[in-house]
Amino acid sequence: MDIFALIVTIGVALGFTYTNGFHDSANAIATSVSTRALTPRAALLMAAVMNLAGAFLGSGVAKTVSQGLIETPSGSRGMAILFAALVGAVVWNMITWYFGLPSSSSHALFGGMVGAALAGSIAVYWMGVVEKVVIPMFLSPLVGMALGYLAMTAILWTFRRANPHKAKRHFRIAQTVSAAGMALGHGLQDAQKTMGIVVMALVIADVEDYGDQIPVWVKVSCALMLSLGTYAGGWRIMRTLGRR
């Protein structure tokens, strides 16, 4: 296996993680910024730190990405498939970032993997795609809407007699905590997706095996790139989510 192809593929994977950071970080902190609970820079710094921490928690998502969606390709064609999938995801991230659209980097990556696998005549695990990508894609907004409705109803009832000024101060703190939790979850989920791609590239290159632990350097590099991308800022998307 050409070591140059491996290095390029890993480089593009880390580039995707960087774009993921400034693209999706806004999802966690937009409401805190729009309500002035946090300044944009403070919110981005908090999100960067929590993304960095979340990236080191668990490895289940990485396993799903590396083994659960497509057959592991082999040789130079396999590396080309990963490269094409990543380029497609990065391009879509940049397009949606430019227009300020809060699109999912994860679904762009998964779609890129499936599309590249089909073009490269590699088997797609359709059941895994349906169960782990398509169903969650449709359920997530519905479940979020239902839980948000229930939470807001409970909050309105609980604080119906509260002093507005005191309640505002407490809610600012609560908003910061919830934003930190979302940023932690973003790191837990999205950094591992790139880890899964890098592991797949290492397996194709016969450097690692799926039975091995994810190398520390893979975890550190993915976590740092996600955190750096987050701090670089996602103001376009943050403005769409928080103010439009």
C-alpha atoms as a PDB file:
ATOM      1  CA  MET A   1       0.000   0.000   0.000  1.00  0.00           C
ATOM      2  CA  ASP A   2       1.291   3.434  -0.957  1.00  0.00           C
ATOM      3  CA  ILE A   3       2.153   5.238   2.276  1.00  0.00           C
ATOM      4  CA  PHE A   4       1.565   8.556   0.508  1.00  0.00           C
ATOM      5  CA  ALA A   5      -2.060   7.612  -0.184  1.00  0.00           C
ATOM      6  CA  LEU A   6      -2.504   6.705   3.489  1.00  0.00           C
ATOM      7  CA  ILE A   7      -1.056  10.021   4.652  1.00  0.00           C
ATOM      8  CA  VAL A   8      -3.214  12.006   2.221  1.00  0.00           C
ATOM      9  CA  THR A   9      -6.368  10.149   3.267  1.00  0.00           C
ATOM     10  CA  ILE A  10      -5.661  10.715   6.957  1.00  0.00           C
ATOM     11  CA  GLY A  11      -4.918  14.381   6.214  1.00  0.00           C
ATOM     12  CA  VAL A  12      -8.254  14.819   4.441  1.00  0.00           C
ATOM     13  CA  ALA A  13      -9.992  13.009   7.322  1.00  0.00           C
ATOM     14  CA  LEU A  14      -8.498  15.479   9.789  1.00  0.00           C
ATOM     15  CA  GLY A  15      -9.508  18.311   7.456  1.00  0.00           C
ATOM     16  CA  PHE A  16     -13.070  16.998   7.561  1.00  0.00           C
ATOM     17  CA  THR A  17     -12.894  17.000  11.357  1.00  0.00           C
ATOM     18  CA  TYR A  18     -11.768  20.627  11.291  1.00  0.00           C
ATOM     19  CA  THR A  19     -14.687  21.665   9.067  1.00  0.00           C
ATOM     20  CA  ASN A  20     -16.982  19.615  11.276  1.00  0.00           C
ATOM     21  CA  GLY A  21     -15.801  21.643  14.252  1.00  0.00           C
ATOM     22  CA  PHE A  22     -16.612  25.085  12.860  1.00  0.00           C
ATOM     23  CA  HIS A  23     -19.692  23.781  11.038  1.00  0.00           C
ATOM     24  CA  ASP A  24     -21.486  21.897  13.818  1.00  0.00           C
ATOM     25  CA  SER A  25     -20.212  23.730  16.901  1.00  0.00           C
ATOM     26  CA  ALA A  26     -22.887  26.379  16.365  1.00  0.00           C
ATOM     27  CA  ASN A  27     -25.586  23.803  17.059  1.00  0.00           C
ATOM     28  CA  ALA A  28     -24.529  23.624  20.698  1.00  0.00           C
ATOM     29  CA  ILE A  29     -24.030  27.295  21.491  1.00  0.00           C
ATOM     30  CA  ALA A  30     -26.357  29.292  19.221  1.00  0.00           C
ATOM     31  CA  THR A  31     -29.107  29.752  21.806  1.00  0.00           C
ATOM     32  CA  SER A  32     -26.643  30.778  24.529  1.00  0.00           C
ATOM     33  CA  VAL A  33     -25.211  33.460  22.244  1.00  0.00           C
ATOM     34  CA  SER A  34     -28.566  34.698  20.946  1.00  0.00           C
ATOM     35  CA  THR A  35     -29.871  35.192  24.494  1.00  0.00           C
ATOM     36  CA  ARG A  36     -26.547  36.788  25.544  1.00  0.00           C
ATOM     37  CA  ALA A  37     -25.940  34.175  28.204  1.00  0.00           C
ATOM     38  CA  LEU A  38     -22.457  33.918  26.669  1.00  0.00           C
ATOM     39  CA  THR A  39     -20.448  36.079  24.310  1.00  0.00           C
ATOM     40  CA  PRO A  40     -19.674  34.433  20.954  1.00  0.00           C
ATOM     41  CA  ARG A  41     -15.966  34.046  21.766  1.00  0.00           C
ATOM     42  CA  ALA A  42     -16.603  32.643  25.238  1.00  0.00           C
ATOM     43  CA  ALA A  43     -19.170  30.244  23.828  1.00  0.00           C
ATOM     44  CA  LEU A  44     -16.764  29.038  21.136  1.00  0.00           C
ATOM     45  CA  LEU A  45     -13.984  28.559  23.691  1.00  0.00           C
ATOM     46  CA  MET A  46     -16.278  26.557  25.958  1.00  0.00           C
ATOM     47  CA  ALA A  47     -17.460  24.441  23.028  1.00  0.00           C
ATOM     48  CA  ALA A  48     -13.865  23.819  21.940  1.00  0.00           C
ATOM     49  CA  VAL A  49     -12.859  22.604  25.402  1.00  0.00           C
ATOM     50  CA  MET A  50     -15.918  20.371  25.777  1.00  0.00           C
ATOM     51  CA  ASN A  51     -15.465  18.971  22.268  1.00  0.00           C
ATOM     52  CA  LEU A  52     -11.880  18.105  23.167  1.00  0.00           C
ATOM     53  CA  ALA A  53     -12.992  16.333  26.342  1.00  0.00           C
ATOM     54  CA  GLY A  54     -15.839  14.464  24.674  1.00  0.00           C
ATOM     55  CA  ALA A  55     -13.579  13.083  21.968  1.00  0.00           C
ATOM     56  CA  PHE A  56     -11.822  10.851  24.501  1.00  0.00           C
ATOM     57  CA  LEU A  57     -14.981   9.253  25.903  1.00  0.00           C
ATOM     58  CA  GLY A  58     -15.811   5.872  24.382  1.00  0.00           C
ATOM     59  CA  SER A  59     -15.247   4.332  20.957  1.00  0.00           C
ATOM     60  CA  GLY A  60     -18.603   2.817  19.944  1.00  0.00           C
ATOM     61  CA  VAL A  61     -19.317   5.398  17.243  1.00  0.00           C
ATOM     62  CA  ALA A  62     -15.886   4.844  15.688  1.00  0.00           C
ATOM     63  CA  LYS A  63     -16.604   1.123  15.449  1.00  0.00           C
ATOM     64  CA  THR A  64     -19.945   1.759  13.730  1.00  0.00           C
ATOM     65  CA  VAL A  65     -18.332   4.020  11.131  1.00  0.00           C
ATOM     66  CA  SER A  66     -15.401   1.715  10.431  1.00  0.00           C
ATOM     67  CA  GLN A  67     -17.301  -1.581  10.336  1.00  0.00           C
ATOM     68  CA  GLY A  68     -21.065  -1.042  10.296  1.00  0.00           C
ATOM     69  CA  LEU A  69     -21.894   0.789   7.055  1.00  0.00           C
ATOM     70  CA  ILE A  70     -19.793  -0.531   4.171  1.00  0.00           C
ATOM     71  CA  GLU A  71     -17.538  -3.482   3.537  1.00  0.00           C
ATOM     72  CA  THR A  72     -13.937  -2.616   4.296  1.00  0.00           C
ATOM     73  CA  PRO A  73     -12.387  -2.047   0.865  1.00  0.00           C
ATOM     74  CA  SER A  74      -8.867  -3.186   0.088  1.00  0.00           C
ATOM     75  CA  GLY A  75      -5.816  -1.900  -1.727  1.00  0.00           C
ATOM     76  CA  SER A  76      -5.507   1.373  -3.579  1.00  0.00           C
ATOM     77  CA  ARG A  77      -9.180   1.250  -4.580  1.00  0.00           C
ATOM     78  CA  GLY A  78     -10.146   1.102  -0.919  1.00  0.00           C
ATOM     79  CA  MET A  79      -8.080   4.167  -0.086  1.00  0.00           C
ATOM     80  CA  ALA A  80      -9.584   5.964  -3.082  1.00  0.00           C
ATOM     81  CA  ILE A  81     -13.086   5.185  -1.792  1.00  0.00           C
ATOM     82  CA  LEU A  82     -12.304   6.703   1.607  1.00  0.00           C
ATOM     83  CA  PHE A  83     -10.700   9.726  -0.046  1.00  0.00           C
ATOM     84  CA  ALA A  84     -13.731  10.306  -2.286  1.00  0.00           C
ATOM     85  CA  ALA A  85     -16.141   9.945   0.645  1.00  0.00           C
ATOM     86  CA  LEU A  86     -14.215  12.500   2.689  1.00  0.00           C
ATOM     87  CA  VAL A  87     -13.883  14.987  -0.167  1.00  0.00           C
ATOM     88  CA  GLY A  88     -17.626  14.813  -0.783  1.00  0.00           C
ATOM     89  CA  ALA A  89     -18.351  15.444   2.891  1.00  0.00           C
ATOM     90  CA  VAL A  90     -15.876  18.342   3.118  1.00  0.00           C
ATOM     91  CA  VAL A  91     -17.274  20.015  -0.007  1.00  0.00           C
ATOM     92  CA  TRP A  92     -20.821  19.757   1.332  1.00  0.00           C
ATOM     93  CA  ASN A  93     -19.705  21.127   4.702  1.00  0.00           C
ATOM     94  CA  MET A  94     -18.128  24.135   3.006  1.00  0.00           C
ATOM     95  CA  ILE A  95     -21.181  24.794   0.825  1.00  0.00           C
ATOM     96  CA  THR A  96     -23.619  24.659   3.742  1.00  0.00           C
ATOM     97  CA  TRP A  97     -21.261  26.699   5.937  1.00  0.00           C
ATOM     98  CA  TYR A  98     -21.014  29.406   3.261  1.00  0.00           C
ATOM     99  CA  PHE A  99     -24.793  29.712   3.059  1.00  0.00           C
ATOM    100  CA  GLY A 100     -25.213  29.409   6.829  1.00  0.00           C
ATOM    101  CA  LEU A 101     -27.213  26.187   6.640  1.00  0.00           C
ATOM    102  CA  PRO A 102     -27.223  23.996   9.801  1.00  0.00           C
ATOM    103  CA  SER A 103     -26.689  20.747   7.905  1.00  0.00           C
ATOM    104  CA  SER A 104     -25.366  17.542   9.498  1.00  0.00           C
ATOM    105  CA  SER A 105     -21.696  16.775   8.873  1.00  0.00           C
ATOM    106  CA  SER A 106     -22.315  13.216  10.009  1.00  0.00           C
ATOM    107  CA  HIS A 107     -24.922  12.511   7.364  1.00  0.00           C
ATOM    108  CA  ALA A 108     -22.683  14.120   4.746  1.00  0.00           C
ATOM    109  CA  LEU A 109     -19.914  11.703   5.738  1.00  0.00           C
ATOM    110  CA  PHE A 110     -22.194   8.670   5.782  1.00  0.00           C
ATOM    111  CA  GLY A 111     -23.682   9.627   2.432  1.00  0.00           C
ATOM    112  CA  GLY A 112     -20.206  10.101   1.006  1.00  0.00           C
ATOM    113  CA  MET A 113     -19.174   6.657   2.220  1.00  0.00           C
ATOM    114  CA  VAL A 114     -22.216   4.950   0.699  1.00  0.00           C
ATOM    115  CA  GLY A 115     -21.917   6.843  -2.589  1.00  0.00           C
ATOM    116  CA  ALA A 116     -18.195   6.142  -2.929  1.00  0.00           C
ATOM    117  CA  ALA A 117     -18.737   2.474  -2.040  1.00  0.00           C
ATOM    118  CA  LEU A 118     -21.422   2.102  -4.706  1.00  0.00           C
ATOM    119  CA  ALA A 119     -19.222   3.773  -7.317  1.00  0.00           C
ATOM    120  CA  GLY A 120     -16.315   1.532  -6.318  1.00  0.00           C
ATOM    121  CA  SER A 121     -18.406  -1.672  -6.388  1.00  0.00           C
ATOM    122  CA  ILE A 122     -18.017  -2.249  -2.657  1.00  0.00           C
ATOM    123  CA  ALA A 123     -20.809  -3.879  -0.649  1.00  0.00           C
ATOM    124  CA  VAL A 124     -23.007  -1.537   1.384  1.00  0.00           C
ATOM    125  CA  TYR A 125     -24.526  -2.877   4.609  1.00  0.00           C
ATOM    126  CA  TRP A 126     -27.973  -1.495   3.895  1.00  0.00           C
ATOM    127  CA  MET A 127     -29.491  -2.786   7.110  1.00  0.00           C
ATOM    128  CA  GLY A 128     -26.801  -0.971   9.053  1.00  0.00           C
ATOM    129  CA  VAL A 129     -27.357   2.190   7.003  1.00  0.00           C
ATOM    130  CA  VAL A 130     -31.103   2.082   7.653  1.00  0.00           C
ATOM    131  CA  GLU A 131     -30.821   1.256  11.363  1.00  0.00           C
ATOM    132  CA  LYS A 132     -27.873   3.491  12.239  1.00  0.00           C
ATOM    133  CA  VAL A 133     -28.266   6.397   9.822  1.00  0.00           C
ATOM    134  CA  VAL A 134     -31.673   6.718   8.151  1.00  0.00           C
ATOM    135  CA  ILE A 135     -33.936   5.922  11.115  1.00  0.00           C
ATOM    136  CA  PRO A 136     -32.006   8.145  13.578  1.00  0.00           C
ATOM    137  CA  MET A 137     -31.979  10.915  10.943  1.00  0.00           C
ATOM    138  CA  PHE A 138     -35.787  11.011  10.900  1.00  0.00           C
ATOM    139  CA  LEU A 139     -36.322  10.246  14.581  1.00  0.00           C
ATOM    140  CA  SER A 140     -33.883  12.821  15.970  1.00  0.00           C
ATOM    141  CA  PRO A 141     -35.902  15.979  15.164  1.00  0.00           C
ATOM    142  CA  LEU A 142     -39.182  14.322  16.153  1.00  0.00           C
ATOM    143  CA  VAL A 143     -37.851  13.058  19.484  1.00  0.00           C
ATOM    144  CA  GLY A 144     -36.124  16.389  20.092  1.00  0.00           C
ATOM    145  CA  MET A 145     -39.351  18.274  19.366  1.00  0.00           C
ATOM    146  CA  ALA A 146     -41.366  16.072  21.723  1.00  0.00           C
ATOM    147  CA  LEU A 147     -38.831  16.286  24.545  1.00  0.00           C
ATOM    148  CA  GLY A 148     -38.428  20.031  24.016  1.00  0.00           C
ATOM    149  CA  TYR A 149     -42.204  20.485  24.247  1.00  0.00           C
ATOM    150  CA  LEU A 150     -42.398  18.459  27.456  1.00  0.00           C
ATOM    151  CA  ALA A 151     -39.417  20.242  28.983  1.00  0.00           C
ATOM    152  CA  MET A 152     -40.804  23.692  28.152  1.00  0.00           C
ATOM    153  CA  THR A 153     -44.220  22.776  29.542  1.00  0.00           C
ATOM    154  CA  ALA A 154     -42.611  21.610  32.782  1.00  0.00           C
ATOM    155  CA  ILE A 155     -40.487  24.764  33.025  1.00  0.00           C
ATOM    156  CA  LEU A 156     -43.448  27.090  32.467  1.00  0.00           C
ATOM    157  CA  TRP A 157     -45.463  25.295  35.129  1.00  0.00           C
ATOM    158  CA  THR A 158     -42.600  25.113  37.650  1.00  0.00           C
ATOM    159  CA  PHE A 159     -41.621  28.781  37.360  1.00  0.00           C
ATOM    160  CA  ARG A 160     -45.073  30.268  36.792  1.00  0.00           C
ATOM    161  CA  ARG A 161     -44.818  32.349  39.993  1.00  0.00           C
ATOM    162  CA  ALA A 162     -41.079  33.014  39.908  1.00  0.00           C
ATOM    163  CA  ASN A 163     -39.590  36.510  39.923  1.00  0.00           C
ATOM    164  CA  PRO A 164     -38.659  37.236  36.260  1.00  0.00           C
ATOM    165  CA  HIS A 165     -35.309  38.873  37.118  1.00  0.00           C
ATOM    166  CA  LYS A 166     -34.164  36.039  39.384  1.00  0.00           C
ATOM    167  CA  ALA A 167     -35.409  33.424  36.945  1.00  0.00           C
ATOM    168  CA  LYS A 168     -33.491  35.064  34.100  1.00  0.00           C
ATOM    169  CA  ARG A 169     -30.221  34.855  36.039  1.00  0.00           C
ATOM    170  CA  HIS A 170     -30.743  31.174  36.837  1.00  0.00           C
ATOM    171  CA  PHE A 171     -31.728  30.351  33.277  1.00  0.00           C
ATOM    172  CA  ARG A 172     -28.566  31.977  31.939  1.00  0.00           C
ATOM    173  CA  ILE A 173     -26.544  29.598  34.090  1.00  0.00           C
ATOM    174  CA  ALA A 174     -28.690  26.647  33.059  1.00  0.00           C
ATOM    175  CA  GLN A 175     -28.281  27.574  29.395  1.00  0.00           C
ATOM    176  CA  THR A 176     -24.520  27.593  29.749  1.00  0.00           C
ATOM    177  CA  VAL A 177     -24.567  24.166  31.387  1.00  0.00           C
ATOM    178  CA  SER A 178     -26.851  22.723  28.712  1.00  0.00           C
ATOM    179  CA  ALA A 179     -24.679  24.183  25.941  1.00  0.00           C
ATOM    180  CA  ALA A 180     -21.610  22.619  27.547  1.00  0.00           C
ATOM    181  CA  GLY A 181     -23.407  19.279  27.654  1.00  0.00           C
ATOM    182  CA  MET A 182     -24.315  19.524  23.968  1.00  0.00           C
ATOM    183  CA  ALA A 183     -20.728  20.413  23.069  1.00  0.00           C
ATOM    184  CA  LEU A 184     -19.492  17.422  25.075  1.00  0.00           C
ATOM    185  CA  GLY A 185     -21.900  15.190  23.166  1.00  0.00           C
ATOM    186  CA  HIS A 186     -20.705  16.707  19.893  1.00  0.00           C
ATOM    187  CA  GLY A 187     -17.135  15.746  20.730  1.00  0.00           C
ATOM    188  CA  LEU A 188     -18.209  12.299  21.859  1.00  0.00           C
ATOM    189  CA  GLN A 189     -20.039  11.680  18.589  1.00  0.00           C
ATOM    190  CA  ASP A 190     -18.266  13.545  15.833  1.00  0.00           C
ATOM    191  CA  ALA A 191     -14.599  13.085  16.707  1.00  0.00           C
ATOM    192  CA  GLN A 192     -15.199   9.345  16.831  1.00  0.00           C
ATOM    193  CA  LYS A 193     -16.614   9.367  13.306  1.00  0.00           C
ATOM    194  CA  THR A 194     -13.275  10.564  11.982  1.00  0.00           C
ATOM    195  CA  MET A 195     -11.478   8.085  14.223  1.00  0.00           C
ATOM    196  CA  GLY A 196     -13.486   5.346  12.527  1.00  0.00           C
ATOM    197  CA  ILE A 197     -12.435   6.578   9.078  1.00  0.00           C
ATOM    198  CA  VAL A 198      -8.770   6.775  10.099  1.00  0.00           C
ATOM    199  CA  VAL A 199      -8.925   3.280  11.593  1.00  0.00           C
ATOM    200  CA  MET A 200     -10.448   1.986   8.353  1.00  0.00           C
ATOM    201  CA  ALA A 201      -7.599   3.610   6.401  1.00  0.00           C
ATOM    202  CA  LEU A 202      -5.030   2.014   8.717  1.00  0.00           C
ATOM    203  CA  VAL A 203      -6.689  -1.394   8.282  1.00  0.00           C
ATOM    204  CA  ILE A 204      -6.662  -1.015   4.491  1.00  0.00           C
ATOM    205  CA  ALA A 205      -2.959  -0.157   4.673  1.00  0.00           C
ATOM    206  CA  ASP A 206      -2.306  -3.221   6.896  1.00  0.00           C
ATOM    207  CA  VAL A 207      -0.996  -0.965   9.655  1.00  0.00           C
ATOM    208  CA  GLU A 208      -3.729  -1.822  12.163  1.00  0.00           C
ATOM    209  CA  ASP A 209      -6.387  -4.490  12.659  1.00  0.00           C
ATOM    210  CA  TYR A 210      -9.987  -4.016  13.772  1.00  0.00           C
ATOM    211  CA  GLY A 211      -9.215  -5.978  16.925  1.00  0.00           C
ATOM    212  CA  ASP A 212      -6.655  -3.389  18.013  1.00  0.00           C
ATOM    213  CA  GLN A 213      -7.375  -0.443  20.263  1.00  0.00           C
ATOM    214  CA  ILE A 214      -7.707   2.922  18.553  1.00  0.00           C
ATOM    215  CA  PRO A 215      -4.174   4.379  18.626  1.00  0.00           C
ATOM    216  CA  VAL A 216      -3.694   7.261  21.026  1.00  0.00           C
ATOM    217  CA  TRP A 217      -2.318   9.486  18.270  1.00  0.00           C
ATOM    218  CA  VAL A 218      -5.538   8.989  16.293  1.00  0.00           C
ATOM    219  CA  LYS A 219      -7.670  10.041  19.269  1.00  0.00           C
ATOM    220  CA  VAL A 220      -5.473  13.041  20.052  1.00  0.00           C
ATOM    221  CA  SER A 221      -5.252  14.307  16.463  1.00  0.00           C
ATOM    222  CA  CYS A 222      -9.007  13.955  15.846  1.00  0.00           C
ATOM    223  CA  ALA A 223      -9.839  15.618  19.166  1.00  0.00           C
ATOM    224  CA  LEU A 224      -7.464  18.520  18.537  1.00  0.00           C
ATOM    225  CA  MET A 225      -8.698  19.143  14.997  1.00  0.00           C
ATOM    226  CA  LEU A 226     -12.328  19.143  16.130  1.00  0.00           C
ATOM    227  CA  SER A 227     -11.477  21.526  18.957  1.00  0.00           C
ATOM    228  CA  LEU A 228      -9.440  23.844  16.709  1.00  0.00           C
ATOM    229  CA  GLY A 229     -12.203  23.879  14.120  1.00  0.00           C
ATOM    230  CA  THR A 230     -14.719  24.730  16.808  1.00  0.00           C
ATOM    231  CA  TYR A 231     -12.673  27.652  18.098  1.00  0.00           C
ATOM    232  CA  ALA A 232     -12.101  28.889  14.540  1.00  0.00           C
ATOM    233  CA  GLY A 233     -15.772  29.737  14.728  1.00  0.00           C
ATOM    234  CA  GLY A 234     -19.059  28.943  13.101  1.00  0.00           C
ATOM    235  CA  TRP A 235     -20.592  32.406  13.226  1.00  0.00           C
ATOM    236  CA  ARG A 236     -22.543  32.068   9.979  1.00  0.00           C
ATOM    237  CA  ILE A 237     -24.467  29.027  11.191  1.00  0.00           C
ATOM    238  CA  MET A 238     -24.673  30.325  14.750  1.00  0.00           C
ATOM    239  CA  ARG A 239     -26.405  33.441  13.417  1.00  0.00           C
ATOM    240  CA  THR A 240     -28.885  31.337  11.422  1.00  0.00           C
ATOM    241  CA  LEU A 241     -29.770  29.148  14.405  1.00  0.00           C
ATOM    242  CA  GLY A 242     -29.773  31.833  17.058  1.00  0.00           C
ATOM    243  CA  ARG A 243     -31.118  34.935  15.310  1.00  0.00           C
ATOM    244  CA  ARG A 244     -33.050  33.870  12.222  1.00  0.00           C
END
